[in-house]
Amino acid sequence: MENVMADVMAGTEALVTLESVREAARQLVGEGRRPTTRAVRDVLGGGSHTDILRCLRELRGERVDAAAALDEPTQTRRPDTDDVAADFDADPAVQALMTQLADLMKGKLSAVVHAERDIARTKLDTVKAVEKERADRAEKAAADKVQRITEEAEAAVAEAQANEAEIAAALDEADTRAAAAEGELEALRPQFAAAKSLANELKILVSKQEREIESLRQRAETAEAAREAARSDANAARSDAEFLRQSQTSAQQDHAAEVGRLRRELDDIRAQRDAERARNDKLQEERLAAERVAAEARAELKSFTAENGRLQTEVNRLRTERDGERDGRVAAEKAAERAVTEAEALRSSSTEPAPKSAIRPAHRRVHTKRPTEDTQERAPMQEAPGG
């Protein structure tokens, strides 16, 4: 029996290889199903849960390494406020506007314009610094929260994997016990059949002895009738009757002893049968308990998977909030630039009247320049969507 169990276990282990598990996982994915340990085992037609789990982990490690090899590092960039101010001063449209204003005002408002420009630039730098500091704080807080959530998710996944390994080991042990119990049951079936056959033989023997007793009783009655009929030979008949009585008593005693022995043997056989039934019931209860533990572990693993999804949703929401704050910073920079333009336009309108033909081209250049500045300001921000 032990040799048979060893051959069965060896054949089961031969089914579980890395290639067979990989093919089974591909088949399940092609069918739109998750390649879990139980699903892969069903496709293979058997195998150890522990070996299947180990192969699945190796396959997951291969996918992670491949994804890491394809992932190219990116560098994030942030706009520098000094570079923005330098571009602002070096822009040809702004220089042309400043030249026209200087010619129109004949140098009278040159100092005022420069002072207002410095004030606007200072305000712009202040706004950018404040927004940058606020964005940095928000980004740091989001990064810390993302890291904490990631660590919690990794811990939950590690715990779920540990539970999955324990479940696989428990299922393997339960399968082994069930196979051993079935083997023991098969081995006991011939003994039970032999006991049943012996009981039938004992029943036949008891019936035969009862017929013999009945025959003796009939013989005694015949002898009694003969004694009544042959009163002349009473002494001889009495002697025969006494002899028959003694024979009957001895036969009854022998029969009672044999019946008692057979009943004791039958009781022993019944006790053995009851013990085997109790052992089989206990094995069945252990198997049901193992299945309940496996079901609870699968439910817990499902709960961990749902929690991991919720954490991923929270990470995506935080990234969205961070992108919204970045858009707010860009809008603030645009507002500051518009403030500078409006300040220059206000200064130009508060001076002496000038011909419309000389001023409108300047305003037209300002309006045509603004989309270019927006594009230049937005370009560095779009280079780093994750920054």
Protein backbone atom coordinates (compact mmCIF):
# COMPACT_ATOMS: atom_id res chain seq x y z
CA MET A 1 0.00 0.00 0.00
CA GLU A 2 2.87 2.39 0.85
CA ASN A 3 4.48 1.64 -2.53
CA VAL A 4 1.23 2.46 -4.33
CA MET A 5 0.90 5.80 -2.46
CA ALA A 6 4.53 6.64 -3.27
CA ASP A 7 3.92 5.94 -6.99
CA VAL A 8 0.79 8.14 -6.94
CA MET A 9 2.62 11.04 -5.24
CA ALA A 10 5.56 10.73 -7.68
CA GLY A 11 3.19 10.87 -10.65
CA THR A 12 1.48 13.95 -9.16
CA GLU A 13 4.78 15.80 -8.66
CA ALA A 14 5.80 15.03 -12.24
CA LEU A 15 2.80 17.04 -13.47
CA VAL A 16 3.95 20.26 -11.77
CA THR A 17 6.79 21.90 -13.71
CA LEU A 18 7.49 25.51 -14.57
CA GLU A 19 6.62 24.92 -18.24
CA SER A 20 3.39 23.06 -17.48
CA VAL A 21 2.28 25.77 -15.05
CA ARG A 22 3.17 28.48 -17.62
CA GLU A 23 1.08 26.74 -20.31
CA ALA A 24 -1.83 26.28 -17.89
CA ALA A 25 -1.66 29.98 -16.89
CA ARG A 26 -1.67 31.03 -20.57
CA GLN A 27 -4.70 28.83 -21.20
CA LEU A 28 -6.58 30.35 -18.26
CA VAL A 29 -5.71 33.92 -19.33
CA GLY A 30 -6.87 33.10 -22.86
CA GLU A 31 -10.19 31.94 -21.41
CA GLY A 32 -10.54 35.17 -19.41
CA ARG A 33 -9.91 33.48 -16.04
CA ARG A 34 -7.40 34.27 -13.30
CA PRO A 35 -4.47 31.81 -13.02
CA THR A 36 -4.99 30.91 -9.35
CA THR A 37 -3.44 27.88 -7.64
CA ARG A 38 -6.69 25.88 -7.69
CA ALA A 39 -7.48 26.83 -11.32
CA VAL A 40 -4.00 25.78 -12.51
CA ARG A 41 -4.31 22.51 -10.54
CA ASP A 42 -7.66 21.81 -12.23
CA VAL A 43 -6.10 22.38 -15.68
CA LEU A 44 -3.14 20.10 -14.86
CA GLY A 45 -5.45 17.45 -13.45
CA GLY A 46 -3.68 17.27 -10.08
CA GLY A 47 -0.42 18.24 -8.43
CA SER A 48 0.85 19.76 -5.19
CA HIS A 49 -0.61 23.15 -4.25
CA THR A 50 2.80 24.16 -2.82
CA ASP A 51 4.68 23.36 -6.05
CA ILE A 52 2.06 25.14 -8.16
CA LEU A 53 2.26 28.22 -5.91
CA ARG A 54 6.07 28.24 -6.18
CA CYS A 55 5.92 28.09 -10.00
CA LEU A 56 3.32 30.89 -10.13
CA ARG A 57 5.57 33.10 -8.00
CA GLU A 58 8.50 32.45 -10.36
CA LEU A 59 6.31 33.44 -13.32
CA ARG A 60 5.24 36.64 -11.52
CA GLY A 61 8.93 37.43 -10.86
CA GLU A 62 9.71 36.99 -14.58
CA ARG A 63 6.93 39.44 -15.51
CA VAL A 64 8.20 42.02 -12.98
CA ASP A 65 11.78 41.77 -14.32
CA ALA A 66 10.56 42.18 -17.90
CA ALA A 67 8.50 45.24 -16.96
CA ALA A 68 11.49 46.76 -15.13
CA ALA A 69 13.73 46.21 -18.17
CA LEU A 70 11.25 48.03 -20.43
CA ASP A 71 10.74 50.92 -18.00
CA GLU A 72 13.08 53.82 -19.00
CA PRO A 73 14.04 56.35 -16.32
CA THR A 74 12.71 59.84 -16.91
CA GLN A 75 14.02 63.16 -15.66
CA THR A 76 11.69 65.82 -14.36
CA ARG A 77 12.14 69.47 -15.03
CA ARG A 78 10.71 72.55 -13.38
CA PRO A 79 10.59 76.06 -14.75
CA ASP A 80 13.12 78.40 -13.19
CA THR A 81 11.75 81.82 -12.34
CA ASP A 82 15.04 83.52 -13.28
CA ASP A 83 15.00 81.89 -16.73
CA VAL A 84 11.37 82.99 -17.21
CA ALA A 85 12.27 86.58 -16.31
CA ALA A 86 15.25 86.48 -18.67
CA ASP A 87 13.05 85.21 -21.50
CA PHE A 88 10.57 87.96 -20.66
CA ASP A 89 13.29 90.64 -21.02
CA ALA A 90 14.82 89.10 -24.14
CA ASP A 91 11.55 88.68 -26.03
CA PRO A 92 11.67 90.79 -29.25
CA ALA A 93 8.04 91.90 -28.94
CA VAL A 94 8.61 93.23 -25.44
CA GLN A 95 11.78 95.04 -26.53
CA ALA A 96 9.93 96.60 -29.45
CA LEU A 97 7.10 97.69 -27.16
CA MET A 98 9.54 99.21 -24.70
CA THR A 99 11.31 101.05 -27.53
CA GLN A 100 8.06 102.51 -28.85
CA LEU A 101 7.00 103.59 -25.37
CA ALA A 102 10.38 105.22 -24.81
CA ASP A 103 10.09 107.13 -28.10
CA LEU A 104 6.53 108.22 -27.37
CA MET A 105 7.22 109.36 -23.84
CA LYS A 106 10.55 110.99 -24.91
CA GLY A 107 12.29 109.50 -21.90
CA LYS A 108 10.04 111.23 -19.37
CA LEU A 109 8.45 108.01 -18.09
CA SER A 110 11.42 105.71 -18.58
CA ALA A 111 12.24 105.58 -14.88
CA VAL A 112 8.58 105.06 -13.98
CA VAL A 113 8.18 102.23 -16.49
CA HIS A 114 11.32 100.51 -15.24
CA ALA A 115 10.15 100.88 -11.65
CA GLU A 116 6.71 99.46 -12.46
CA ARG A 117 8.28 96.62 -14.35
CA ASP A 118 10.53 95.84 -11.39
CA ILE A 119 7.51 95.90 -9.08
CA ALA A 120 5.57 93.59 -11.39
CA ARG A 121 8.56 91.31 -11.70
CA THR A 122 8.92 91.25 -7.93
CA LYS A 123 5.24 90.39 -7.58
CA LEU A 124 5.63 87.71 -10.21
CA ASP A 125 8.64 86.24 -8.43
CA THR A 126 6.78 86.36 -5.12
CA VAL A 127 3.70 84.67 -6.55
CA LYS A 128 5.82 82.03 -8.24
CA ALA A 129 7.82 81.42 -5.09
CA VAL A 130 4.67 81.07 -2.98
CA GLU A 131 3.03 78.79 -5.52
CA LYS A 132 6.22 76.78 -5.87
CA GLU A 133 6.52 76.37 -2.11
CA ARG A 134 2.86 75.38 -1.85
CA ALA A 135 3.19 72.92 -4.72
CA ASP A 136 6.36 71.47 -3.18
CA ARG A 137 4.62 70.98 0.15
CA ALA A 138 1.62 69.36 -1.52
CA GLU A 139 3.86 67.20 -3.65
CA LYS A 140 5.88 66.08 -0.62
CA ALA A 141 2.72 65.31 1.35
CA ALA A 142 1.29 63.37 -1.57
CA ALA A 143 4.57 61.48 -2.04
CA ASP A 144 4.67 60.59 1.67
CA LYS A 145 1.07 59.40 1.57
CA VAL A 146 1.67 57.41 -1.62
CA GLN A 147 4.74 55.79 -0.04
CA ARG A 148 2.79 54.92 3.11
CA ILE A 149 -0.10 53.48 1.11
CA THR A 150 2.34 51.53 -1.07
CA GLU A 151 4.08 50.06 1.97
CA GLU A 152 0.72 49.06 3.48
CA ALA A 153 -0.34 47.48 0.19
CA GLU A 154 2.95 45.57 -0.10
CA ALA A 155 2.57 44.33 3.48
CA ALA A 156 -0.99 43.22 2.76
CA VAL A 157 0.11 41.41 -0.41
CA ALA A 158 2.98 39.70 1.45
CA GLU A 159 0.61 38.55 4.19
CA ALA A 160 -1.86 37.28 1.57
CA GLN A 161 0.93 35.34 -0.16
CA ALA A 162 1.97 33.79 3.17
CA ASN A 163 -1.63 32.79 3.83
CA GLU A 164 -1.86 31.38 0.32
CA ALA A 165 1.23 29.22 0.97
CA GLU A 166 -0.25 27.92 4.24
CA ILE A 167 -3.52 27.14 2.45
CA ALA A 168 -1.67 25.24 -0.27
CA ALA A 169 0.23 23.20 2.33
CA ALA A 170 -3.00 22.47 4.22
CA LEU A 171 -4.74 21.35 1.02
CA ASP A 172 -1.81 19.08 0.13
CA GLU A 173 -1.90 17.53 3.60
CA ALA A 174 -5.67 17.07 3.38
CA ASP A 175 -5.34 15.40 -0.03
CA THR A 176 -2.63 13.10 1.33
CA ARG A 177 -4.78 12.14 4.34
CA ALA A 178 -7.80 11.55 2.12
CA ALA A 179 -5.77 9.32 -0.20
CA ALA A 180 -4.38 7.38 2.79
CA ALA A 181 -7.87 6.99 4.24
CA GLU A 182 -9.20 5.71 0.93
CA GLY A 183 -6.30 3.24 0.76
CA GLU A 184 -6.97 1.99 4.29
CA LEU A 185 -10.66 1.65 3.44
CA GLU A 186 -9.81 -0.40 0.36
CA ALA A 187 -7.53 -2.59 2.50
CA LEU A 188 -10.28 -3.16 5.09
CA ARG A 189 -12.93 -4.08 2.54
CA PRO A 190 -11.59 -7.67 2.06
CA GLN A 191 -11.51 -8.12 5.86
CA PHE A 192 -15.07 -6.89 6.13
CA ALA A 193 -16.13 -9.25 3.34
CA ALA A 194 -14.37 -12.14 5.12
CA ALA A 195 -16.10 -11.26 8.39
CA LYS A 196 -19.44 -11.14 6.61
CA SER A 197 -18.78 -14.52 5.02
CA LEU A 198 -17.80 -15.97 8.42
CA ALA A 199 -21.02 -14.64 9.94
CA ASN A 200 -23.01 -16.33 7.18
CA GLU A 201 -21.20 -19.60 7.84
CA LEU A 202 -21.90 -19.30 11.55
CA LYS A 203 -25.55 -18.68 10.80
CA ILE A 204 -25.68 -21.83 8.66
CA LEU A 205 -23.96 -23.81 11.41
CA VAL A 206 -26.41 -22.60 14.06
CA SER A 207 -29.32 -23.53 11.80
CA LYS A 208 -27.85 -26.98 11.29
CA GLN A 209 -27.44 -27.49 15.03
CA GLU A 210 -31.01 -26.36 15.63
CA ARG A 211 -32.19 -28.96 13.13
CA GLU A 212 -30.16 -31.59 14.94
CA ILE A 213 -31.73 -30.56 18.26
CA GLU A 214 -35.16 -30.81 16.70
CA SER A 215 -34.28 -34.25 15.43
CA LEU A 216 -33.18 -35.29 18.93
CA ARG A 217 -36.39 -33.96 20.36
CA GLN A 218 -38.37 -36.01 17.86
CA ARG A 219 -36.36 -39.05 18.77
CA ALA A 220 -37.11 -38.49 22.45
CA GLU A 221 -40.78 -38.23 21.71
CA THR A 222 -40.62 -41.41 19.67
CA ALA A 223 -38.86 -43.15 22.56
CA GLU A 224 -41.47 -41.90 24.99
CA ALA A 225 -44.22 -43.26 22.73
CA ALA A 226 -42.41 -46.56 22.48
CA ARG A 227 -42.15 -46.72 26.27
CA GLU A 228 -45.87 -46.09 26.60
CA ALA A 229 -46.60 -48.70 23.97
CA ALA A 230 -44.22 -51.27 25.42
CA ARG A 231 -45.17 -51.23 29.07
CA SER A 232 -44.05 -54.80 29.30
CA ASP A 233 -40.48 -53.69 28.66
CA ALA A 234 -40.61 -50.63 31.00
CA ASN A 235 -37.20 -51.12 32.47
CA ALA A 236 -35.54 -51.26 29.11
CA ALA A 237 -37.57 -48.32 27.86
CA ARG A 238 -36.68 -46.32 31.02
CA SER A 239 -33.02 -47.04 30.48
CA ASP A 240 -33.28 -45.95 26.87
CA ALA A 241 -35.11 -42.79 27.90
CA GLU A 242 -32.46 -41.93 30.50
CA PHE A 243 -29.76 -42.47 27.97
CA LEU A 244 -31.55 -40.26 25.46
CA ARG A 245 -32.01 -37.55 28.10
CA GLN A 246 -28.36 -37.55 28.95
CA SER A 247 -27.44 -37.40 25.30
CA GLN A 248 -29.84 -34.51 24.73
CA THR A 249 -28.46 -32.59 27.73
CA SER A 250 -24.90 -33.05 26.55
CA ALA A 251 -25.85 -31.98 23.04
CA GLN A 252 -27.67 -28.93 24.35
CA GLN A 253 -24.69 -27.95 26.48
CA ASP A 254 -22.32 -28.38 23.56
CA HIS A 255 -24.67 -26.40 21.34
CA ALA A 256 -24.98 -23.59 23.91
CA ALA A 257 -21.18 -23.41 24.27
CA GLU A 258 -20.71 -23.30 20.49
CA VAL A 259 -23.41 -20.64 20.09
CA GLY A 260 -21.81 -18.54 22.85
CA ARG A 261 -18.41 -18.79 21.19
CA LEU A 262 -19.85 -17.83 17.80
CA ARG A 263 -21.71 -14.89 19.34
CA ARG A 264 -18.51 -13.63 21.00
CA GLU A 265 -16.67 -13.83 17.68
CA LEU A 266 -19.53 -12.00 15.98
CA ASP A 267 -19.43 -9.29 18.68
CA ASP A 268 -15.68 -8.87 18.11
CA ILE A 269 -16.22 -8.51 14.37
CA ARG A 270 -18.96 -5.93 14.94
CA ALA A 271 -16.69 -3.99 17.34
CA GLN A 272 -13.93 -3.92 14.70
CA ARG A 273 -16.42 -2.76 12.08
CA ASP A 274 -17.67 0.03 14.39
CA ALA A 275 -14.08 1.12 15.09
CA GLU A 276 -13.35 1.31 11.36
CA ARG A 277 -16.52 3.34 10.80
CA ALA A 278 -15.52 5.74 13.59
CA ARG A 279 -12.06 6.12 12.07
CA ASN A 280 -13.54 6.85 8.64
CA ASP A 281 -15.95 9.40 10.15
CA LYS A 282 -13.04 11.14 11.89
CA LEU A 283 -11.05 11.33 8.65
CA GLN A 284 -14.10 12.77 6.89
CA GLU A 285 -14.47 15.44 9.60
CA GLU A 286 -10.78 16.37 9.28
CA ARG A 287 -11.18 16.74 5.53
CA LEU A 288 -14.27 18.94 5.90
CA ALA A 289 -12.42 21.09 8.47
CA ALA A 290 -9.52 21.54 6.05
CA GLU A 291 -11.94 22.59 3.29
CA ARG A 292 -13.57 25.15 5.64
CA VAL A 293 -10.13 26.59 6.52
CA ALA A 294 -9.32 26.85 2.82
CA ALA A 295 -12.64 28.64 2.12
CA GLU A 296 -12.00 31.14 4.93
CA ALA A 297 -8.48 31.78 3.64
CA ARG A 298 -9.79 32.37 0.11
CA ALA A 299 -12.34 34.87 1.47
CA GLU A 300 -9.57 36.66 3.38
CA LEU A 301 -7.42 36.78 0.24
CA LYS A 302 -10.35 38.27 -1.68
CA SER A 303 -10.73 40.94 1.03
CA PHE A 304 -7.02 41.78 0.77
CA THR A 305 -7.37 42.11 -3.02
CA ALA A 306 -10.31 44.53 -2.63
CA GLU A 307 -8.34 46.61 -0.10
CA ASN A 308 -5.40 46.78 -2.50
CA GLY A 309 -7.74 48.08 -5.24
CA ARG A 310 -9.09 50.72 -2.90
CA LEU A 311 -5.56 51.87 -2.03
CA GLN A 312 -4.69 52.10 -5.73
CA THR A 313 -7.79 54.26 -6.28
CA GLU A 314 -6.66 56.57 -3.47
CA VAL A 315 -3.21 56.87 -5.08
CA ASN A 316 -4.79 57.86 -8.41
CA ARG A 317 -6.96 60.45 -6.67
CA LEU A 318 -3.91 62.01 -4.99
CA ARG A 319 -2.12 62.18 -8.33
CA THR A 320 -5.14 63.93 -9.82
CA GLU A 321 -5.13 66.48 -6.99
CA ARG A 322 -1.43 67.09 -7.53
CA ASP A 323 -1.99 67.70 -11.25
CA GLY A 324 -4.80 70.17 -10.34
CA GLU A 325 -2.44 72.12 -8.09
CA ARG A 326 0.12 72.25 -10.90
CA ASP A 327 -2.53 73.68 -13.24
CA GLY A 328 -3.36 76.30 -10.58
CA ARG A 329 0.28 77.32 -10.43
CA VAL A 330 0.41 77.74 -14.21
CA ALA A 331 -2.78 79.83 -14.08
CA ALA A 332 -1.23 82.04 -11.39
CA GLU A 333 1.83 82.62 -13.55
CA LYS A 334 -0.39 83.58 -16.47
CA ALA A 335 -2.34 85.97 -14.25
CA ALA A 336 0.91 87.61 -13.13
CA GLU A 337 2.02 88.04 -16.72
CA ARG A 338 -1.31 89.58 -17.61
CA ALA A 339 -0.88 91.95 -14.65
CA VAL A 340 2.48 93.09 -16.05
CA THR A 341 0.98 93.65 -19.48
CA GLU A 342 -1.99 95.56 -18.05
CA ALA A 343 0.34 97.68 -15.92
CA GLU A 344 2.37 98.66 -18.96
CA ALA A 345 -0.80 99.39 -20.92
CA LEU A 346 -2.10 101.48 -18.00
CA ARG A 347 1.09 103.50 -17.87
CA SER A 348 0.98 104.08 -21.60
CA SER A 349 -2.67 105.22 -21.47
CA SER A 350 -2.03 107.63 -18.56
CA THR A 351 0.61 109.63 -20.47
CA GLU A 352 0.24 112.15 -23.28
CA PRO A 353 -2.09 111.26 -26.13
CA ALA A 354 -0.37 109.46 -28.89
CA PRO A 355 -1.43 108.64 -32.43
CA LYS A 356 -3.54 105.48 -32.56
CA SER A 357 -1.48 104.17 -35.40
CA ALA A 358 1.59 104.14 -33.17
CA ILE A 359 -0.02 102.44 -30.16
CA ARG A 360 -2.29 99.78 -31.70
CA PRO A 361 0.52 97.78 -33.24
CA ALA A 362 2.08 97.55 -29.80
CA HIS A 363 -1.14 96.18 -28.28
CA ARG A 364 -1.52 93.83 -31.18
CA ARG A 365 1.95 92.53 -30.56
CA VAL A 366 1.14 92.00 -26.89
CA HIS A 367 -1.98 90.02 -27.76
CA THR A 368 -0.16 87.94 -30.34
CA LYS A 369 2.70 87.30 -27.96
CA ARG A 370 0.59 85.96 -25.09
CA PRO A 371 -0.21 82.53 -26.60
CA THR A 372 3.50 82.09 -27.30
CA GLU A 373 4.34 82.84 -23.67
CA ASP A 374 1.59 80.47 -22.53
CA THR A 375 2.97 77.77 -24.77
CA GLN A 376 6.52 78.39 -23.51
CA GLU A 377 5.33 78.31 -19.89
CA ARG A 378 3.23 75.18 -20.43
CA ALA A 379 5.92 73.25 -22.27
CA PRO A 380 8.28 72.71 -19.29
CA MET A 381 5.32 71.71 -17.15
CA GLN A 382 4.14 69.08 -19.67
CA GLU A 383 7.56 67.50 -19.87
CA ALA A 384 7.14 66.06 -16.35
CA PRO A 385 3.57 64.81 -15.87
CA GLY A 386 4.59 62.82 -12.80
CA GLY A 387 6.61 65.68 -11.14
